[in-house]
N, C-alpha and C. Protein backbone atom coordinates (compact mmCIF):
# COMPACT_ATOMS: atom_id res chain seq x y z
N MET A 1 -6.84 3.23 26.12
CA MET A 1 -5.82 3.28 25.06
C MET A 1 -5.74 4.70 24.47
N SER A 2 -6.87 5.29 24.29
CA SER A 2 -6.91 6.65 23.70
C SER A 2 -6.20 7.64 24.63
N SER A 3 -6.34 7.41 25.94
CA SER A 3 -5.73 8.32 26.93
C SER A 3 -4.20 8.26 26.82
N LYS A 4 -3.67 7.10 26.51
CA LYS A 4 -2.19 6.96 26.41
C LYS A 4 -1.66 7.83 25.26
N GLN A 5 -2.34 7.82 24.15
CA GLN A 5 -1.88 8.63 23.00
C GLN A 5 -2.71 9.91 22.88
N PRO A 6 -2.17 11.05 23.22
CA PRO A 6 -2.92 12.32 23.15
C PRO A 6 -3.35 12.62 21.71
N PRO A 7 -4.36 13.45 21.55
CA PRO A 7 -4.89 13.79 20.21
C PRO A 7 -3.94 14.72 19.46
N VAL A 8 -3.06 15.37 20.18
CA VAL A 8 -2.13 16.32 19.51
C VAL A 8 -1.20 15.59 18.53
N PRO A 9 -0.46 14.59 19.00
CA PRO A 9 0.45 13.86 18.11
C PRO A 9 -0.32 13.08 17.05
N LYS A 10 -1.49 12.61 17.44
CA LYS A 10 -2.30 11.82 16.46
C LYS A 10 -2.74 12.73 15.31
N GLN A 11 -3.16 13.93 15.63
CA GLN A 11 -3.61 14.86 14.57
C GLN A 11 -2.43 15.24 13.69
N ASN A 12 -1.28 15.41 14.30
CA ASN A 12 -0.08 15.80 13.53
C ASN A 12 0.23 14.72 12.49
N GLN A 13 0.11 13.48 12.90
CA GLN A 13 0.40 12.36 11.96
C GLN A 13 -0.63 12.37 10.84
N SER A 14 -1.87 12.62 11.20
CA SER A 14 -2.96 12.62 10.19
C SER A 14 -2.69 13.74 9.18
N ASN A 15 -2.25 14.88 9.69
CA ASN A 15 -1.97 16.02 8.80
C ASN A 15 -0.79 15.70 7.87
N LYS A 16 0.17 14.98 8.42
CA LYS A 16 1.36 14.65 7.61
C LYS A 16 0.99 13.59 6.56
N GLY A 17 -0.02 12.80 6.86
CA GLY A 17 -0.41 11.73 5.92
C GLY A 17 -1.15 12.29 4.71
N PRO A 18 -2.27 11.71 4.36
CA PRO A 18 -3.04 12.11 3.18
C PRO A 18 -3.64 13.50 3.37
N GLY A 19 -3.95 13.84 4.60
CA GLY A 19 -4.55 15.17 4.89
C GLY A 19 -3.60 16.29 4.50
N ALA A 20 -2.37 16.22 4.94
CA ALA A 20 -1.41 17.30 4.66
C ALA A 20 -1.01 17.28 3.19
N ALA A 21 -0.81 16.10 2.65
CA ALA A 21 -0.38 15.99 1.24
C ALA A 21 -1.44 16.59 0.32
N ALA A 22 -2.70 16.42 0.69
CA ALA A 22 -3.77 16.91 -0.20
C ALA A 22 -4.24 18.28 0.27
N GLY A 23 -3.96 18.64 1.50
CA GLY A 23 -4.45 19.94 2.01
C GLY A 23 -3.33 20.96 2.14
N ALA A 24 -2.31 20.65 2.92
CA ALA A 24 -1.23 21.63 3.16
C ALA A 24 -0.30 21.70 1.95
N SER A 25 -0.08 20.56 1.32
CA SER A 25 0.85 20.54 0.17
C SER A 25 0.20 21.19 -1.05
N ARG A 26 -1.12 21.19 -1.10
CA ARG A 26 -1.80 21.74 -2.29
C ARG A 26 -1.95 23.27 -2.21
N PRO A 27 -2.45 23.82 -1.13
CA PRO A 27 -2.67 25.28 -1.04
C PRO A 27 -1.43 26.08 -1.43
N PRO A 28 -0.26 25.77 -0.87
CA PRO A 28 0.97 26.53 -1.19
C PRO A 28 1.39 26.29 -2.65
N HIS A 29 1.11 25.11 -3.15
CA HIS A 29 1.52 24.79 -4.54
C HIS A 29 0.46 25.26 -5.54
N LYS A 30 -0.79 24.83 -5.29
CA LYS A 30 -1.89 25.23 -6.21
C LYS A 30 -3.13 25.56 -5.39
N PRO A 31 -3.37 26.80 -5.12
CA PRO A 31 -4.56 27.22 -4.34
C PRO A 31 -5.84 26.80 -5.05
N VAL A 32 -5.80 26.70 -6.36
CA VAL A 32 -7.00 26.32 -7.12
C VAL A 32 -7.37 24.87 -6.83
N SER A 33 -6.35 24.02 -6.70
CA SER A 33 -6.60 22.59 -6.41
C SER A 33 -7.39 22.45 -5.10
N THR A 34 -7.05 23.28 -4.14
CA THR A 34 -7.74 23.19 -2.83
C THR A 34 -9.22 23.46 -3.03
N LYS A 35 -9.54 24.42 -3.87
CA LYS A 35 -10.98 24.75 -4.09
C LYS A 35 -11.65 23.57 -4.82
N THR A 36 -10.94 22.93 -5.67
CA THR A 36 -11.52 21.79 -6.41
C THR A 36 -11.78 20.63 -5.44
N GLY A 37 -11.13 20.65 -4.30
CA GLY A 37 -11.33 19.55 -3.34
C GLY A 37 -10.34 18.44 -3.61
N LYS A 38 -9.36 18.69 -4.44
CA LYS A 38 -8.38 17.61 -4.70
C LYS A 38 -7.16 17.89 -3.84
C-alpha cells in the first residue's frame, strides 16, 4: 500500500495540514512564534 502512494505527495499533504499551518504559516507571519514552538 505504501508503494502505491509515494512519500512526496504524502509529505506535501502533511505540510499543508497542521505542519504547514503551524510551521510555514507562522515563520512568514511571526518568526517569534516559530521559536516558541507554536
